[in-house]
Amino acid sequence: MTDALKHEVQQFREMSLEFYRDWDYTGEEVMIPVRNAEIRVRIYRPEGQNRPLPVFFDVHGGGWVVHRCEADQPFCEKIADRLGIIAVSIDYRLAPEYKFPTANEDVYDVISYFYQNAGKFRIDPQRMGVGGHSAGGTISMAVAMMAKDSGAFPLRLVILDYPGLDSATPMKDKVREELTDFQKEFLELCGFFERCAYASPEQQRDPLCSPWYATREQLAGLPPVFLTACENDLLKYEDIAFASRLMEAGVEVTAKLYPGVIHGFNADLYYTDEADYSHQLMIDQMERYLLKT
């Protein structure tokens, strides 16, 4: 990593912290062993509940480069308060310092550790789900495929909230129409993420880096998926098409296109009515798949 890129990464990370740096963090901070390291998680548990509960593992977005697990605190608090289950937000390691497949492995290892220590964390290991916004959704999809192949732990639900599914195609090549002002900014931001080189060109076609390249056989047998797309987002076409590919592979899919909204609308703009509506739709999916008998 060049000194110039290192400085740029530091600047972007400082900017990304602005909207949650001064929050009172409510989730319990715990260090979890993963391969070759320990990483942080925050555990959000409903008040007064000590019995084993279903758990949703939240994977924050940020292009594999920015943000921390605290960024999703408003969403995780809603999961615990409204649904009465546990939310665990995972502080996976970031690029460019940590390349593919580190983020996938961090999230996979955290879920494995919770599954193997269900009694310690008072979770129901048969009622687990994973999901995230943007890159967090991409990681969640990869982890679901890894778990399907390994059999290491069961998942009942995967939430892909406007994920990036094709890292091999530069974002500029995904433009199909005249860009909105936001899309111009998003395209510039994605150029920065691409310079951080989370994965090599060869790795970018690995389905665990870019689920777009997964075969029908690799997708078949996955747990139910809730996939969303944003109208004012350069990723919407691949998101919509990927929902169809999952269906063709026999996966149970619920898909939602949010009209008029931008990429990240329910994360960076977590306080809006549109964000709360989308949060509730995801919580409804958790209720459907994690609380059913």
Protein backbone atom coordinates (compact mmCIF):
# COMPACT_ATOMS: atom_id res chain seq x y z
CA MET A 1 0.00 0.00 0.00
CA THR A 2 1.46 3.35 -1.02
CA ASP A 3 1.73 6.21 1.45
CA ALA A 4 -0.82 8.17 -0.60
CA LEU A 5 -3.37 5.35 -0.48
CA LYS A 6 -2.71 4.81 3.23
CA HIS A 7 -3.44 8.49 3.88
CA GLU A 8 -6.60 8.34 1.76
CA VAL A 9 -7.83 5.27 3.64
CA GLN A 10 -7.21 6.96 7.00
CA GLN A 11 -9.16 10.02 5.85
CA PHE A 12 -12.12 7.99 4.65
CA ARG A 13 -12.19 5.97 7.86
CA GLU A 14 -12.21 9.11 9.96
CA MET A 15 -15.05 10.51 7.86
CA SER A 16 -17.01 7.26 8.18
CA LEU A 17 -16.84 7.49 11.98
CA GLU A 18 -18.36 10.95 12.13
CA PHE A 19 -22.00 9.95 12.50
CA TYR A 20 -21.50 7.36 15.25
CA ARG A 21 -18.24 8.28 16.99
CA ASP A 22 -20.02 9.95 19.92
CA TRP A 23 -22.86 7.48 20.42
CA ASP A 24 -23.37 5.68 23.69
CA TYR A 25 -22.65 2.12 22.62
CA THR A 26 -25.22 -0.22 24.14
CA GLY A 27 -24.12 -3.61 22.85
CA GLU A 28 -21.84 -5.71 25.04
CA GLU A 29 -18.34 -5.69 23.58
CA VAL A 30 -16.76 -9.15 23.39
CA MET A 31 -13.56 -10.42 21.77
CA ILE A 32 -13.99 -13.56 19.69
CA PRO A 33 -11.15 -15.83 18.49
CA VAL A 34 -10.91 -16.28 14.73
CA ARG A 35 -8.12 -17.83 12.70
CA ASN A 36 -4.85 -16.04 13.57
CA ALA A 37 -6.55 -13.22 15.51
CA GLU A 38 -9.27 -12.00 17.83
CA ILE A 39 -11.93 -9.58 16.64
CA ARG A 40 -14.60 -7.51 18.34
CA VAL A 41 -18.32 -8.06 18.29
CA ARG A 42 -21.14 -6.21 20.01
CA ILE A 43 -23.99 -8.27 21.40
CA TYR A 44 -27.44 -6.70 21.66
CA ARG A 45 -29.71 -8.74 23.94
CA PRO A 46 -33.33 -7.92 24.86
CA GLU A 47 -33.72 -6.64 28.39
CA GLY A 48 -34.71 -9.21 30.98
CA GLN A 49 -34.10 -12.20 28.71
CA ASN A 50 -31.63 -14.82 29.92
CA ARG A 51 -33.03 -17.89 28.17
CA PRO A 52 -31.53 -19.10 24.87
CA LEU A 53 -32.77 -16.91 22.03
CA PRO A 54 -32.51 -16.87 18.24
CA VAL A 55 -29.63 -14.79 16.95
CA PHE A 56 -29.04 -12.61 13.90
CA PHE A 57 -25.45 -11.87 12.89
CA ASP A 58 -25.16 -8.39 11.42
CA VAL A 59 -22.38 -7.58 8.93
CA HIS A 60 -21.85 -3.86 8.36
CA GLY A 61 -21.18 -2.32 4.95
CA GLY A 62 -18.41 -0.01 3.83
CA GLY A 63 -16.83 -1.42 0.67
CA TRP A 64 -14.66 -3.84 2.70
CA VAL A 65 -12.62 -0.75 3.67
CA VAL A 66 -14.45 1.48 6.17
CA HIS A 67 -16.81 1.37 9.16
CA ARG A 68 -16.94 -0.56 12.41
CA CYS A 69 -19.54 -2.83 13.95
CA GLU A 70 -21.00 0.10 15.91
CA ALA A 71 -22.27 1.64 12.66
CA ASP A 72 -25.27 -0.69 12.67
CA GLN A 73 -26.25 -0.10 16.30
CA PRO A 74 -29.65 1.51 15.49
CA PHE A 75 -30.63 -1.54 13.42
CA CYS A 76 -29.32 -4.03 15.99
CA GLU A 77 -31.15 -2.27 18.82
CA LYS A 78 -34.39 -2.51 16.84
CA ILE A 79 -33.87 -6.24 16.31
CA ALA A 80 -33.45 -6.82 20.03
CA ASP A 81 -36.19 -4.42 21.15
CA ARG A 82 -38.86 -5.14 18.56
CA LEU A 83 -38.36 -8.86 18.01
CA GLY A 84 -36.88 -9.99 21.31
CA ILE A 85 -33.93 -11.86 19.79
CA ILE A 86 -30.17 -11.36 19.99
CA ALA A 87 -28.26 -9.32 17.41
CA VAL A 88 -24.50 -9.68 17.08
CA SER A 89 -22.66 -7.05 15.04
CA ILE A 90 -19.26 -8.23 13.77
CA ASP A 91 -16.19 -6.01 13.45
CA TYR A 92 -14.47 -7.97 10.67
CA ARG A 93 -11.02 -6.91 9.50
CA LEU A 94 -10.81 -4.43 6.62
CA ALA A 95 -8.95 -3.97 3.35
CA PRO A 96 -6.47 -2.93 2.15
CA GLU A 97 -4.60 -4.23 5.20
CA TYR A 98 -6.54 -7.51 5.14
CA LYS A 99 -7.36 -8.95 1.73
CA PHE A 100 -9.87 -11.52 0.51
CA PRO A 101 -10.92 -13.88 2.02
CA THR A 102 -10.21 -12.40 5.48
CA ALA A 103 -13.61 -10.68 5.94
CA ASN A 104 -15.47 -13.84 4.94
CA GLU A 105 -13.38 -15.98 7.26
CA ASP A 106 -13.80 -13.56 10.18
CA VAL A 107 -17.59 -13.63 9.93
CA TYR A 108 -17.68 -17.39 9.34
CA ASP A 109 -15.41 -18.02 12.34
CA VAL A 110 -17.46 -15.76 14.61
CA ILE A 111 -20.68 -17.59 13.75
CA SER A 112 -18.91 -20.94 14.20
CA TYR A 113 -17.67 -19.86 17.63
CA PHE A 114 -21.12 -18.77 18.76
CA TYR A 115 -22.61 -22.00 17.45
CA GLN A 116 -20.01 -24.09 19.31
CA ASN A 117 -20.50 -22.03 22.49
CA ALA A 118 -24.27 -21.61 22.36
CA GLY A 119 -24.69 -22.15 26.08
CA LYS A 120 -22.11 -19.52 26.97
CA PHE A 121 -23.85 -16.88 24.84
CA ARG A 122 -27.38 -18.12 25.59
CA ILE A 123 -28.34 -18.46 21.94
CA ASP A 124 -30.48 -21.05 20.19
CA PRO A 125 -27.97 -22.59 17.73
CA GLN A 126 -30.77 -23.93 15.52
CA ARG A 127 -32.23 -20.45 14.95
CA MET A 128 -29.47 -18.37 13.42
CA GLY A 129 -29.45 -15.92 10.54
CA VAL A 130 -26.89 -13.63 8.92
CA GLY A 131 -27.12 -10.53 6.78
CA GLY A 132 -25.82 -7.10 6.04
CA HIS A 133 -25.91 -3.94 3.97
CA SER A 134 -23.88 -3.53 0.79
CA ALA A 135 -20.51 -5.30 1.21
CA GLY A 136 -21.94 -6.80 4.40
CA GLY A 137 -24.55 -8.51 2.27
CA THR A 138 -21.88 -9.80 -0.10
CA ILE A 139 -19.94 -11.25 2.83
CA SER A 140 -23.14 -12.78 4.23
CA MET A 141 -23.85 -14.52 0.93
CA ALA A 142 -20.33 -15.95 0.86
CA VAL A 143 -20.60 -17.16 4.45
CA ALA A 144 -23.91 -18.87 3.68
CA MET A 145 -22.27 -20.73 0.78
CA MET A 146 -19.30 -21.66 2.96
CA ALA A 147 -21.59 -22.99 5.69
CA LYS A 148 -23.65 -24.96 3.19
CA ASP A 149 -20.54 -26.69 1.88
CA SER A 150 -18.88 -27.29 5.26
CA GLY A 151 -21.96 -28.14 7.32
CA ALA A 152 -20.27 -26.31 10.23
CA PHE A 153 -23.44 -24.54 11.35
CA PRO A 154 -27.03 -24.15 10.16
CA LEU A 155 -28.54 -20.89 8.95
CA ARG A 156 -32.25 -20.22 8.64
CA LEU A 157 -32.08 -16.87 6.86
CA VAL A 158 -29.71 -14.74 4.78
CA ILE A 159 -30.41 -11.03 4.28
CA LEU A 160 -28.75 -9.33 1.31
CA ASP A 161 -29.47 -5.62 1.63
CA TYR A 162 -28.48 -4.02 -1.72
CA PRO A 163 -25.31 -6.15 -1.98
CA GLY A 164 -22.48 -5.77 -4.47
CA LEU A 165 -22.36 -9.13 -6.21
CA ASP A 166 -19.88 -8.67 -9.06
CA SER A 167 -16.51 -7.27 -8.00
CA ALA A 168 -14.88 -8.30 -11.27
CA THR A 169 -16.78 -5.70 -13.28
CA PRO A 170 -15.65 -2.12 -12.53
CA MET A 171 -18.48 0.04 -11.29
CA LYS A 172 -18.09 2.42 -14.23
CA ASP A 173 -18.98 -0.45 -16.54
CA LYS A 174 -22.27 -1.01 -14.70
CA VAL A 175 -23.68 2.35 -15.75
CA ARG A 176 -26.75 1.86 -17.97
CA GLU A 177 -28.37 5.27 -17.93
CA GLU A 178 -27.66 8.94 -17.23
CA LEU A 179 -26.16 9.24 -13.77
CA THR A 180 -27.93 11.04 -10.95
CA ASP A 181 -25.89 13.34 -8.72
CA PHE A 182 -25.75 10.66 -6.03
CA GLN A 183 -24.65 8.01 -8.51
CA LYS A 184 -21.78 10.23 -9.63
CA GLU A 185 -20.63 10.48 -5.99
CA PHE A 186 -21.12 6.75 -5.49
CA LEU A 187 -19.10 5.99 -8.63
CA GLU A 188 -16.24 8.10 -7.29
CA LEU A 189 -16.43 6.34 -3.91
CA CYS A 190 -16.37 2.93 -5.60
CA GLY A 191 -13.27 4.00 -7.49
CA PHE A 192 -11.59 4.51 -4.13
CA PHE A 193 -12.73 1.09 -2.91
CA GLU A 194 -11.42 -0.50 -6.11
CA ARG A 195 -8.03 1.13 -5.56
CA CYS A 196 -7.93 -0.53 -2.14
CA ALA A 197 -7.89 -3.87 -3.99
CA TYR A 198 -9.73 -6.11 -1.55
CA ALA A 199 -9.18 -8.97 -4.02
CA SER A 200 -6.92 -9.67 -6.99
CA PRO A 201 -8.43 -9.78 -10.50
CA GLU A 202 -8.39 -13.57 -10.38
CA GLN A 203 -10.02 -13.67 -6.94
CA GLN A 204 -12.74 -11.26 -8.04
CA ARG A 205 -14.33 -14.06 -10.08
CA ASP A 206 -14.35 -16.43 -7.13
CA PRO A 207 -18.01 -16.90 -6.09
CA LEU A 208 -17.00 -16.32 -2.47
CA CYS A 209 -15.78 -12.85 -3.51
CA SER A 210 -18.37 -12.20 -6.22
CA PRO A 211 -21.47 -14.38 -5.70
CA TRP A 212 -22.60 -13.36 -9.20
CA TYR A 213 -20.25 -16.05 -10.54
CA ALA A 214 -21.70 -18.86 -8.44
CA THR A 215 -23.10 -21.78 -10.41
CA ARG A 216 -26.62 -23.06 -10.02
CA GLU A 217 -25.22 -26.00 -8.07
CA GLN A 218 -23.36 -23.68 -5.70
CA LEU A 219 -26.55 -21.72 -4.99
CA ALA A 220 -28.86 -24.71 -4.66
CA GLY A 221 -29.62 -25.69 -1.08
CA LEU A 222 -29.02 -22.27 0.45
CA PRO A 223 -31.35 -21.10 3.24
CA PRO A 224 -34.14 -18.62 2.46
CA VAL A 225 -32.88 -15.25 1.20
CA PHE A 226 -34.33 -11.77 1.59
CA LEU A 227 -32.73 -9.57 -1.08
CA THR A 228 -33.26 -5.85 -1.58
CA ALA A 229 -32.32 -3.34 -4.25
CA CYS A 230 -32.44 0.47 -4.37
CA GLU A 231 -33.83 2.31 -7.38
CA ASN A 232 -31.16 5.04 -7.32
CA ASP A 233 -28.25 2.59 -7.15
CA LEU A 234 -25.81 1.33 -9.78
CA LEU A 235 -26.05 -2.15 -8.19
CA LYS A 236 -29.78 -2.54 -8.68
CA TYR A 237 -29.59 -4.44 -11.95
CA GLU A 238 -27.27 -7.15 -10.65
CA ASP A 239 -29.29 -7.38 -7.43
CA ILE A 240 -32.57 -7.89 -9.27
CA ALA A 241 -30.99 -10.40 -11.67
CA PHE A 242 -29.35 -12.32 -8.82
CA ALA A 243 -32.70 -12.75 -7.09
CA SER A 244 -33.91 -14.52 -10.24
CA ARG A 245 -30.81 -16.72 -10.33
CA LEU A 246 -31.39 -17.78 -6.74
CA MET A 247 -34.98 -18.68 -7.58
CA GLU A 248 -33.84 -20.69 -10.59
CA ALA A 249 -31.54 -22.64 -8.26
CA GLY A 250 -34.52 -23.51 -6.07
CA VAL A 251 -33.75 -21.09 -3.23
CA GLU A 252 -36.70 -19.54 -1.40
CA VAL A 253 -36.38 -15.82 -2.15
CA THR A 254 -38.22 -12.69 -1.09
CA ALA A 255 -37.10 -9.63 -3.08
CA LYS A 256 -37.87 -5.95 -2.60
CA LEU A 257 -37.05 -2.92 -4.76
CA TYR A 258 -37.12 0.32 -2.78
CA PRO A 259 -38.31 3.14 -5.10
CA GLY A 260 -36.50 6.45 -5.14
CA VAL A 261 -33.83 5.67 -2.54
CA ILE A 262 -30.03 5.67 -2.73
CA HIS A 263 -27.45 3.06 -1.87
CA GLY A 264 -26.92 3.08 1.91
CA PHE A 265 -30.21 4.84 2.60
CA ASN A 266 -30.94 2.75 5.72
CA ALA A 267 -27.41 2.75 7.13
CA ASP A 268 -25.90 6.24 6.81
CA LEU A 269 -29.43 7.72 6.88
CA TYR A 270 -30.63 5.30 9.57
CA TYR A 271 -32.90 7.93 11.20
CA THR A 272 -35.30 8.46 8.27
CA ASP A 273 -38.79 7.00 7.88
CA GLU A 274 -37.61 5.12 4.78
CA ALA A 275 -34.80 3.53 6.78
CA ASP A 276 -37.13 2.49 9.59
CA TYR A 277 -39.52 0.95 7.08
CA SER A 278 -36.73 -1.11 5.54
CA HIS A 279 -35.43 -2.13 8.96
CA GLN A 280 -38.88 -3.38 9.89
CA LEU A 281 -39.16 -5.41 6.68
CA MET A 282 -35.92 -7.18 7.56
CA ILE A 283 -37.09 -7.74 11.13
CA ASP A 284 -40.31 -9.22 9.73
CA GLN A 285 -38.21 -11.73 7.80
CA MET A 286 -36.32 -12.61 10.97
CA GLU A 287 -39.61 -13.17 12.75
CA ARG A 288 -40.78 -15.41 9.93
CA TYR A 289 -37.69 -17.60 9.73
CA LEU A 290 -35.97 -17.40 13.14
CA LEU A 291 -38.97 -17.57 15.43
CA LYS A 292 -41.00 -20.24 13.63
CA THR A 293 -40.94 -23.73 15.12
